Amino acid sequence: MLAVIKTGGKQYLVSPEQKIKIEKIEGEEGKEVEFGEVLLLEKNKQLIIGAPFVEKAKVIGKILKQAKGPKLIVFKYKPKKRFRRKKGHRQLFTEVEILKIENKDE
């Protein structure tokens, strides 16, 4: 069983027992989270495509950890102008384990 969910402005192809890193969402570690914006659902080789979302479908996951990603260096430079800017950035993310994919139509 597969599903495509939308969260944090991005789309993710997920299946049960899969671990994914998504943009930071509110919630504590160990709590369950529900994704209601399901764009596509595949079950028993039958595709259900939403317009824009699949009715009565949801994906349930469990928050494993809230953390920061690796440090990225942002460096701006303009030749012959003595312009240099160096800045670091660490993006916040949430690691989620997909528990189950539900569809109320069946």
Protein backbone atom coordinates (compact mmCIF):
# COMPACT_ATOMS: atom_id res chain seq x y z
CA MET A 1 0.00 0.00 0.00
CA LEU A 2 1.34 3.41 -1.01
CA ALA A 3 0.19 7.00 -0.58
CA VAL A 4 1.37 10.45 -1.61
CA ILE A 5 0.93 13.01 1.18
CA LYS A 6 1.41 16.77 1.20
CA THR A 7 3.03 18.49 4.19
CA GLY A 8 5.26 21.51 4.58
CA GLY A 9 4.78 22.52 0.94
CA LYS A 10 6.29 19.26 -0.29
CA GLN A 11 4.94 15.89 -1.42
CA TYR A 12 6.16 12.53 -0.08
CA LEU A 13 5.59 8.98 -1.35
CA VAL A 14 5.06 6.88 1.79
CA SER A 15 4.31 3.30 2.76
CA PRO A 16 3.69 1.70 6.18
CA GLU A 17 6.73 1.25 8.49
CA GLN A 18 8.73 3.82 6.48
CA LYS A 19 10.69 6.60 8.21
CA ILE A 20 10.73 10.04 6.58
CA LYS A 21 12.20 13.45 7.42
CA ILE A 22 9.74 16.30 6.83
CA GLU A 23 9.62 20.03 7.54
CA LYS A 24 9.13 20.73 11.25
CA ILE A 25 5.60 20.18 12.54
CA GLU A 26 4.25 20.77 16.03
CA GLY A 27 4.13 17.80 18.39
CA GLU A 28 6.12 15.91 20.97
CA GLU A 29 8.23 12.83 20.43
CA GLY A 30 6.21 9.64 20.72
CA LYS A 31 2.89 11.30 19.80
CA GLU A 32 0.83 10.30 16.78
CA VAL A 33 0.26 12.73 13.94
CA GLU A 34 -2.39 12.54 11.20
CA PHE A 35 -1.86 13.66 7.60
CA GLY A 36 -5.22 14.40 5.98
CA GLU A 37 -3.94 15.80 2.69
CA VAL A 38 -3.60 12.54 0.73
CA LEU A 39 -3.09 13.19 -2.99
CA LEU A 40 -2.87 9.60 -4.25
CA LEU A 41 -3.62 6.18 -2.82
CA GLU A 42 -2.58 2.76 -4.16
CA LYS A 43 -4.08 -0.41 -2.74
CA ASN A 44 -4.14 -3.86 -4.36
CA LYS A 45 -2.74 -2.37 -7.61
CA GLN A 46 -5.70 0.03 -7.82
CA LEU A 47 -4.95 3.75 -7.99
CA ILE A 48 -7.18 6.38 -6.42
CA ILE A 49 -6.25 9.90 -7.48
CA GLY A 50 -7.60 12.85 -5.53
CA ALA A 51 -9.01 16.07 -6.94
CA PRO A 52 -7.11 17.63 -5.17
CA PHE A 53 -7.28 15.24 -2.18
CA VAL A 54 -8.61 11.70 -1.75
CA GLU A 55 -11.88 11.79 0.22
CA LYS A 56 -11.89 10.05 3.63
CA ALA A 57 -8.25 8.98 3.39
CA LYS A 58 -5.57 9.69 5.98
CA VAL A 59 -2.07 8.62 6.90
CA ILE A 60 -1.16 8.11 10.54
CA GLY A 61 2.43 8.45 11.72
CA LYS A 62 4.41 8.64 14.94
CA ILE A 63 6.91 11.41 15.69
CA LEU A 64 10.32 9.88 16.36
CA LYS A 65 12.37 13.05 16.88
CA GLN A 66 12.50 16.81 16.44
CA ALA A 67 15.99 17.95 15.37
CA LYS A 68 18.15 20.22 13.25
CA GLY A 69 19.75 19.22 9.98
CA PRO A 70 23.42 19.63 9.05
CA LYS A 71 24.94 23.10 8.95
CA LEU A 72 24.90 24.75 5.53
CA ILE A 73 27.16 27.68 4.66
CA VAL A 74 25.64 30.53 2.64
CA PHE A 75 28.41 32.63 1.10
CA LYS A 76 27.78 35.70 -1.08
CA TYR A 77 30.65 37.28 -3.03
CA LYS A 78 30.94 40.05 -5.61
CA PRO A 79 34.26 40.31 -7.40
CA LYS A 80 36.17 43.64 -7.41
CA LYS A 81 33.73 45.19 -4.91
CA ARG A 82 35.10 43.87 -1.57
CA PHE A 83 31.70 42.36 -0.80
CA ARG A 84 31.65 39.10 1.18
CA ARG A 85 28.94 37.69 3.44
CA LYS A 86 29.17 34.35 5.24
CA LYS A 87 26.19 32.93 7.08
CA GLY A 88 25.37 29.48 8.46
CA HIS A 89 21.95 27.81 8.52
CA ARG A 90 20.51 24.66 10.12
CA GLN A 91 17.02 23.63 8.99
CA LEU A 92 14.61 22.21 11.58
CA PHE A 93 13.01 18.86 10.70
CA THR A 94 10.77 16.18 12.18
CA GLU A 95 11.42 12.48 11.71
CA VAL A 96 8.18 10.52 11.36
CA GLU A 97 7.50 6.78 11.12
CA ILE A 98 4.43 5.94 9.05
CA LEU A 99 2.21 3.55 11.02
CA LYS A 100 -0.77 2.99 8.74
CA ILE A 101 -2.66 4.29 5.74
CA GLU A 102 -6.45 4.41 6.11
CA ASN A 103 -9.24 4.76 3.57
CA LYS A 104 -12.80 4.94 4.95
CA ASP A 105 -14.42 4.06 1.59
CA GLU A 106 -13.46 0.40 1.96
